[in-house]
Amino acid sequence: MLQRYLQVVRTYRDTQLEAVATLRRDFHATVTYYALEAAFPHWERKHLRTTSRLERINGTIRRRTKVANAYHSEAGLKAMNSQEIRYFHR
């Protein structure tokens, strides 16, 4: 992983200055997932896709909304959102 990081930095440091600066600044945070996976192998992978609970909740809500295609009432949509939020606060 570190070799790939160095290769990307070397390849793009002259042409993609901002992207490389962001990668250098945030690399450790970006690969935190792998440290969590190694430290907690019994955790379900679906809960490790991101380290941000808000991103996980929003992703789950987007997936459920997409599958349903349409909610017939605002109350139904609110109920689904509430259900997902309660699930993550257990």
N, C-alpha and C. Protein backbone atom coordinates (compact mmCIF):
# COMPACT_ATOMS: atom_id res chain seq x y z
N MET A 1 0.83 -1.18 0.00
CA MET A 1 0.00 0.00 0.00
C MET A 1 0.88 1.25 0.00
N LEU A 2 1.92 1.24 0.80
CA LEU A 2 2.82 2.39 0.86
C LEU A 2 3.56 2.58 -0.46
N GLN A 3 3.90 1.48 -1.12
CA GLN A 3 4.57 1.58 -2.42
C GLN A 3 3.66 2.26 -3.45
N ARG A 4 2.38 1.90 -3.42
CA ARG A 4 1.42 2.51 -4.35
C ARG A 4 1.26 3.99 -4.06
N TYR A 5 1.21 4.34 -2.79
CA TYR A 5 1.12 5.74 -2.37
C TYR A 5 2.30 6.53 -2.93
N LEU A 6 3.52 6.02 -2.74
CA LEU A 6 4.72 6.70 -3.23
C LEU A 6 4.72 6.82 -4.75
N GLN A 7 4.25 5.78 -5.43
CA GLN A 7 4.18 5.80 -6.89
C GLN A 7 3.23 6.90 -7.37
N VAL A 8 2.08 7.01 -6.74
CA VAL A 8 1.11 8.04 -7.12
C VAL A 8 1.68 9.43 -6.87
N VAL A 9 2.31 9.61 -5.72
CA VAL A 9 2.90 10.92 -5.40
C VAL A 9 3.97 11.28 -6.43
N ARG A 10 4.85 10.35 -6.75
CA ARG A 10 5.91 10.63 -7.73
C ARG A 10 5.34 10.93 -9.12
N THR A 11 4.33 10.17 -9.50
CA THR A 11 3.76 10.32 -10.84
C THR A 11 3.04 11.65 -11.02
N TYR A 12 2.31 12.10 -10.00
CA TYR A 12 1.43 13.25 -10.17
C TYR A 12 1.86 14.52 -9.42
N ARG A 13 3.00 14.50 -8.74
CA ARG A 13 3.37 15.66 -7.93
C ARG A 13 3.59 16.93 -8.75
N ASP A 14 3.95 16.80 -10.01
CA ASP A 14 4.19 17.99 -10.84
C ASP A 14 2.94 18.46 -11.58
N THR A 15 2.01 17.55 -11.85
CA THR A 15 0.84 17.92 -12.65
C THR A 15 -0.44 18.07 -11.84
N GLN A 16 -0.51 17.42 -10.69
CA GLN A 16 -1.73 17.45 -9.86
C GLN A 16 -1.36 17.91 -8.45
N LEU A 17 -0.92 19.13 -8.33
CA LEU A 17 -0.38 19.63 -7.07
C LEU A 17 -1.38 19.52 -5.91
N GLU A 18 -2.61 19.97 -6.13
CA GLU A 18 -3.60 19.95 -5.04
C GLU A 18 -3.98 18.53 -4.65
N ALA A 19 -4.14 17.66 -5.63
CA ALA A 19 -4.50 16.27 -5.32
C ALA A 19 -3.40 15.58 -4.52
N VAL A 20 -2.17 15.80 -4.91
CA VAL A 20 -1.05 15.18 -4.19
C VAL A 20 -0.93 15.76 -2.78
N ALA A 21 -1.15 17.06 -2.65
CA ALA A 21 -1.11 17.67 -1.31
C ALA A 21 -2.19 17.09 -0.42
N THR A 22 -3.37 16.88 -0.98
CA THR A 22 -4.47 16.28 -0.21
C THR A 22 -4.14 14.84 0.17
N LEU A 23 -3.60 14.09 -0.76
CA LEU A 23 -3.22 12.71 -0.48
C LEU A 23 -2.18 12.66 0.62
N ARG A 24 -1.18 13.50 0.54
CA ARG A 24 -0.14 13.52 1.57
C ARG A 24 -0.72 13.89 2.93
N ARG A 25 -1.58 14.88 2.95
CA ARG A 25 -2.15 15.35 4.21
C ARG A 25 -3.08 14.31 4.84
N ASP A 26 -3.88 13.64 4.02
CA ASP A 26 -4.94 12.77 4.54
C ASP A 26 -4.69 11.29 4.38
N PHE A 27 -3.50 10.89 3.97
CA PHE A 27 -3.25 9.48 3.69
C PHE A 27 -3.52 8.60 4.90
N HIS A 28 -3.01 8.99 6.05
CA HIS A 28 -3.19 8.16 7.25
C HIS A 28 -4.68 7.97 7.56
N ALA A 29 -5.45 9.02 7.49
CA ALA A 29 -6.89 8.92 7.75
C ALA A 29 -7.59 8.06 6.70
N THR A 30 -7.08 8.10 5.48
CA THR A 30 -7.68 7.33 4.40
C THR A 30 -7.52 5.83 4.62
N VAL A 31 -6.41 5.41 5.17
CA VAL A 31 -6.15 3.98 5.34
C VAL A 31 -6.50 3.48 6.74
N THR A 32 -7.13 4.31 7.54
CA THR A 32 -7.54 3.90 8.89
C THR A 32 -8.42 2.66 8.84
N TYR A 33 -9.20 2.55 7.79
CA TYR A 33 -10.08 1.39 7.60
C TYR A 33 -9.32 0.09 7.78
N TYR A 34 -8.14 -0.01 7.18
CA TYR A 34 -7.37 -1.25 7.24
C TYR A 34 -6.89 -1.56 8.66
N ALA A 35 -6.56 -0.53 9.41
CA ALA A 35 -6.16 -0.74 10.81
C ALA A 35 -7.34 -1.23 11.63
N LEU A 36 -8.52 -0.66 11.39
CA LEU A 36 -9.72 -1.11 12.10
C LEU A 36 -10.05 -2.55 11.75
N GLU A 37 -9.96 -2.88 10.48
CA GLU A 37 -10.26 -4.24 10.05
C GLU A 37 -9.30 -5.24 10.70
N ALA A 38 -8.04 -4.88 10.82
CA ALA A 38 -7.06 -5.78 11.45
C ALA A 38 -7.28 -5.89 12.95
N ALA A 39 -7.65 -4.77 13.57
CA ALA A 39 -7.83 -4.77 15.02
C ALA A 39 -9.13 -5.45 15.46
N PHE A 40 -10.14 -5.40 14.60
CA PHE A 40 -11.45 -5.95 14.95
C PHE A 40 -11.96 -6.87 13.85
N PRO A 41 -11.33 -8.01 13.64
CA PRO A 41 -11.71 -8.89 12.53
C PRO A 41 -13.11 -9.47 12.66
N HIS A 42 -13.69 -9.44 13.85
CA HIS A 42 -15.02 -10.01 14.05
C HIS A 42 -16.13 -9.02 13.65
N TRP A 43 -15.79 -7.77 13.43
CA TRP A 43 -16.80 -6.79 13.01
C TRP A 43 -17.24 -7.09 11.59
N GLU A 44 -18.52 -6.88 11.34
CA GLU A 44 -19.02 -7.10 9.98
C GLU A 44 -18.45 -6.03 9.05
N ARG A 45 -18.02 -6.46 7.90
CA ARG A 45 -17.39 -5.56 6.94
C ARG A 45 -18.31 -4.40 6.54
N LYS A 46 -19.61 -4.63 6.48
CA LYS A 46 -20.53 -3.57 6.06
C LYS A 46 -20.48 -2.37 7.01
N HIS A 47 -20.05 -2.58 8.24
CA HIS A 47 -19.96 -1.49 9.20
C HIS A 47 -18.59 -0.79 9.15
N LEU A 48 -17.68 -1.32 8.35
CA LEU A 48 -16.34 -0.75 8.29
C LEU A 48 -16.06 0.02 7.01
N ARG A 49 -17.04 0.23 6.17
CA ARG A 49 -16.80 0.92 4.91
C ARG A 49 -16.33 2.35 5.08
N THR A 50 -16.72 2.96 6.14
CA THR A 50 -16.28 4.32 6.41
C THR A 50 -16.11 4.48 7.91
N THR A 51 -15.30 5.40 8.31
CA THR A 51 -15.12 5.63 9.74
C THR A 51 -16.09 6.68 10.26
N SER A 52 -16.92 7.21 9.39
CA SER A 52 -17.88 8.23 9.78
C SER A 52 -19.26 7.61 9.93
N ARG A 53 -19.82 7.68 11.12
CA ARG A 53 -21.17 7.14 11.33
C ARG A 53 -22.19 7.87 10.47
N LEU A 54 -22.03 9.17 10.31
CA LEU A 54 -22.98 9.93 9.51
C LEU A 54 -22.95 9.45 8.05
N GLU A 55 -21.77 9.20 7.52
CA GLU A 55 -21.67 8.70 6.15
C GLU A 55 -22.32 7.33 6.02
N ARG A 56 -22.14 6.48 7.02
CA ARG A 56 -22.78 5.15 6.98
C ARG A 56 -24.29 5.27 7.01
N ILE A 57 -24.81 6.13 7.89
CA ILE A 57 -26.27 6.29 7.98
C ILE A 57 -26.80 6.84 6.66
N ASN A 58 -26.17 7.87 6.13
CA ASN A 58 -26.64 8.45 4.86
C ASN A 58 -26.57 7.44 3.73
N GLY A 59 -25.52 6.65 3.67
CA GLY A 59 -25.40 5.62 2.63
C GLY A 59 -26.51 4.59 2.73
N THR A 60 -26.82 4.17 3.94
CA THR A 60 -27.89 3.20 4.15
C THR A 60 -29.23 3.78 3.73
N ILE A 61 -29.49 5.02 4.11
CA ILE A 61 -30.75 5.66 3.73
C ILE A 61 -30.84 5.80 2.21
N ARG A 62 -29.74 6.17 1.55
CA ARG A 62 -29.75 6.28 0.08
C ARG A 62 -30.06 4.93 -0.56
N ARG A 63 -29.44 3.86 -0.05
CA ARG A 63 -29.68 2.53 -0.61
C ARG A 63 -31.14 2.13 -0.44
N ARG A 64 -31.69 2.36 0.74
CA ARG A 64 -33.09 1.97 0.98
C ARG A 64 -34.05 2.80 0.13
N THR A 65 -33.75 4.07 -0.04
CA THR A 65 -34.60 4.94 -0.84
C THR A 65 -34.56 4.51 -2.30
N LYS A 66 -33.38 4.16 -2.79
CA LYS A 66 -33.23 3.75 -4.19
C LYS A 66 -33.98 2.46 -4.47
N VAL A 67 -33.92 1.52 -3.54
CA VAL A 67 -34.60 0.24 -3.72
C VAL A 67 -36.11 0.42 -3.75
N ALA A 68 -36.63 1.31 -2.91
CA ALA A 68 -38.07 1.52 -2.84
C ALA A 68 -38.60 2.30 -4.03
N ASN A 69 -37.74 3.05 -4.71
CA ASN A 69 -38.10 3.90 -5.84
C ASN A 69 -39.02 5.05 -5.49
N ALA A 70 -40.05 4.81 -4.71
CA ALA A 70 -40.97 5.89 -4.35
C ALA A 70 -41.64 5.55 -3.03
N TYR A 71 -41.76 6.53 -2.20
CA TYR A 71 -42.53 6.36 -0.97
C TYR A 71 -43.87 7.03 -1.20
N HIS A 72 -44.92 6.39 -0.78
CA HIS A 72 -46.26 6.89 -1.07
C HIS A 72 -46.69 8.00 -0.14
N SER A 73 -45.92 8.22 0.90
CA SER A 73 -46.26 9.31 1.80
C SER A 73 -45.00 9.82 2.47
N GLU A 74 -45.05 11.04 2.92
CA GLU A 74 -43.93 11.61 3.66
C GLU A 74 -43.74 10.86 4.97
N ALA A 75 -44.84 10.39 5.55
CA ALA A 75 -44.76 9.64 6.81
C ALA A 75 -43.97 8.34 6.63
N GLY A 76 -44.16 7.68 5.49
CA GLY A 76 -43.42 6.45 5.22
C GLY A 76 -41.92 6.70 5.09
N LEU A 77 -41.56 7.77 4.42
CA LEU A 77 -40.16 8.14 4.27
C LEU A 77 -39.54 8.49 5.62
N LYS A 78 -40.29 9.24 6.43
CA LYS A 78 -39.80 9.60 7.77
C LYS A 78 -39.65 8.36 8.65
N ALA A 79 -40.57 7.43 8.53
CA ALA A 79 -40.50 6.20 9.33
C ALA A 79 -39.25 5.40 8.97
N MET A 80 -38.94 5.30 7.67
CA MET A 80 -37.75 4.58 7.24
C MET A 80 -36.49 5.26 7.77
N ASN A 81 -36.43 6.59 7.66
CA ASN A 81 -35.28 7.33 8.18
C ASN A 81 -35.12 7.10 9.68
N SER A 82 -36.21 7.18 10.40
CA SER A 82 -36.19 6.97 11.85
C SER A 82 -35.71 5.57 12.20
N GLN A 83 -36.18 4.58 11.45
CA GLN A 83 -35.78 3.19 11.69
C GLN A 83 -34.26 3.03 11.51
N GLU A 84 -33.72 3.60 10.46
CA GLU A 84 -32.28 3.48 10.21
C GLU A 84 -31.46 4.20 11.28
N ILE A 85 -31.90 5.38 11.67
CA ILE A 85 -31.17 6.13 12.69
C ILE A 85 -31.19 5.40 14.02
N ARG A 86 -32.35 4.83 14.39
CA ARG A 86 -32.42 4.05 15.64
C ARG A 86 -31.51 2.84 15.57
N TYR A 87 -31.41 2.20 14.42
CA TYR A 87 -30.55 1.03 14.27
C TYR A 87 -29.09 1.38 14.58
N PHE A 88 -28.64 2.53 14.12
CA PHE A 88 -27.26 2.92 14.32
C PHE A 88 -27.00 3.45 15.73
N HIS A 89 -28.03 3.73 16.49
CA HIS A 89 -27.85 4.24 17.86
C HIS A 89 -28.05 3.16 18.91
N ARG A 90 -28.07 1.92 18.50
CA ARG A 90 -28.22 0.83 19.48
C ARG A 90 -26.98 0.70 20.31
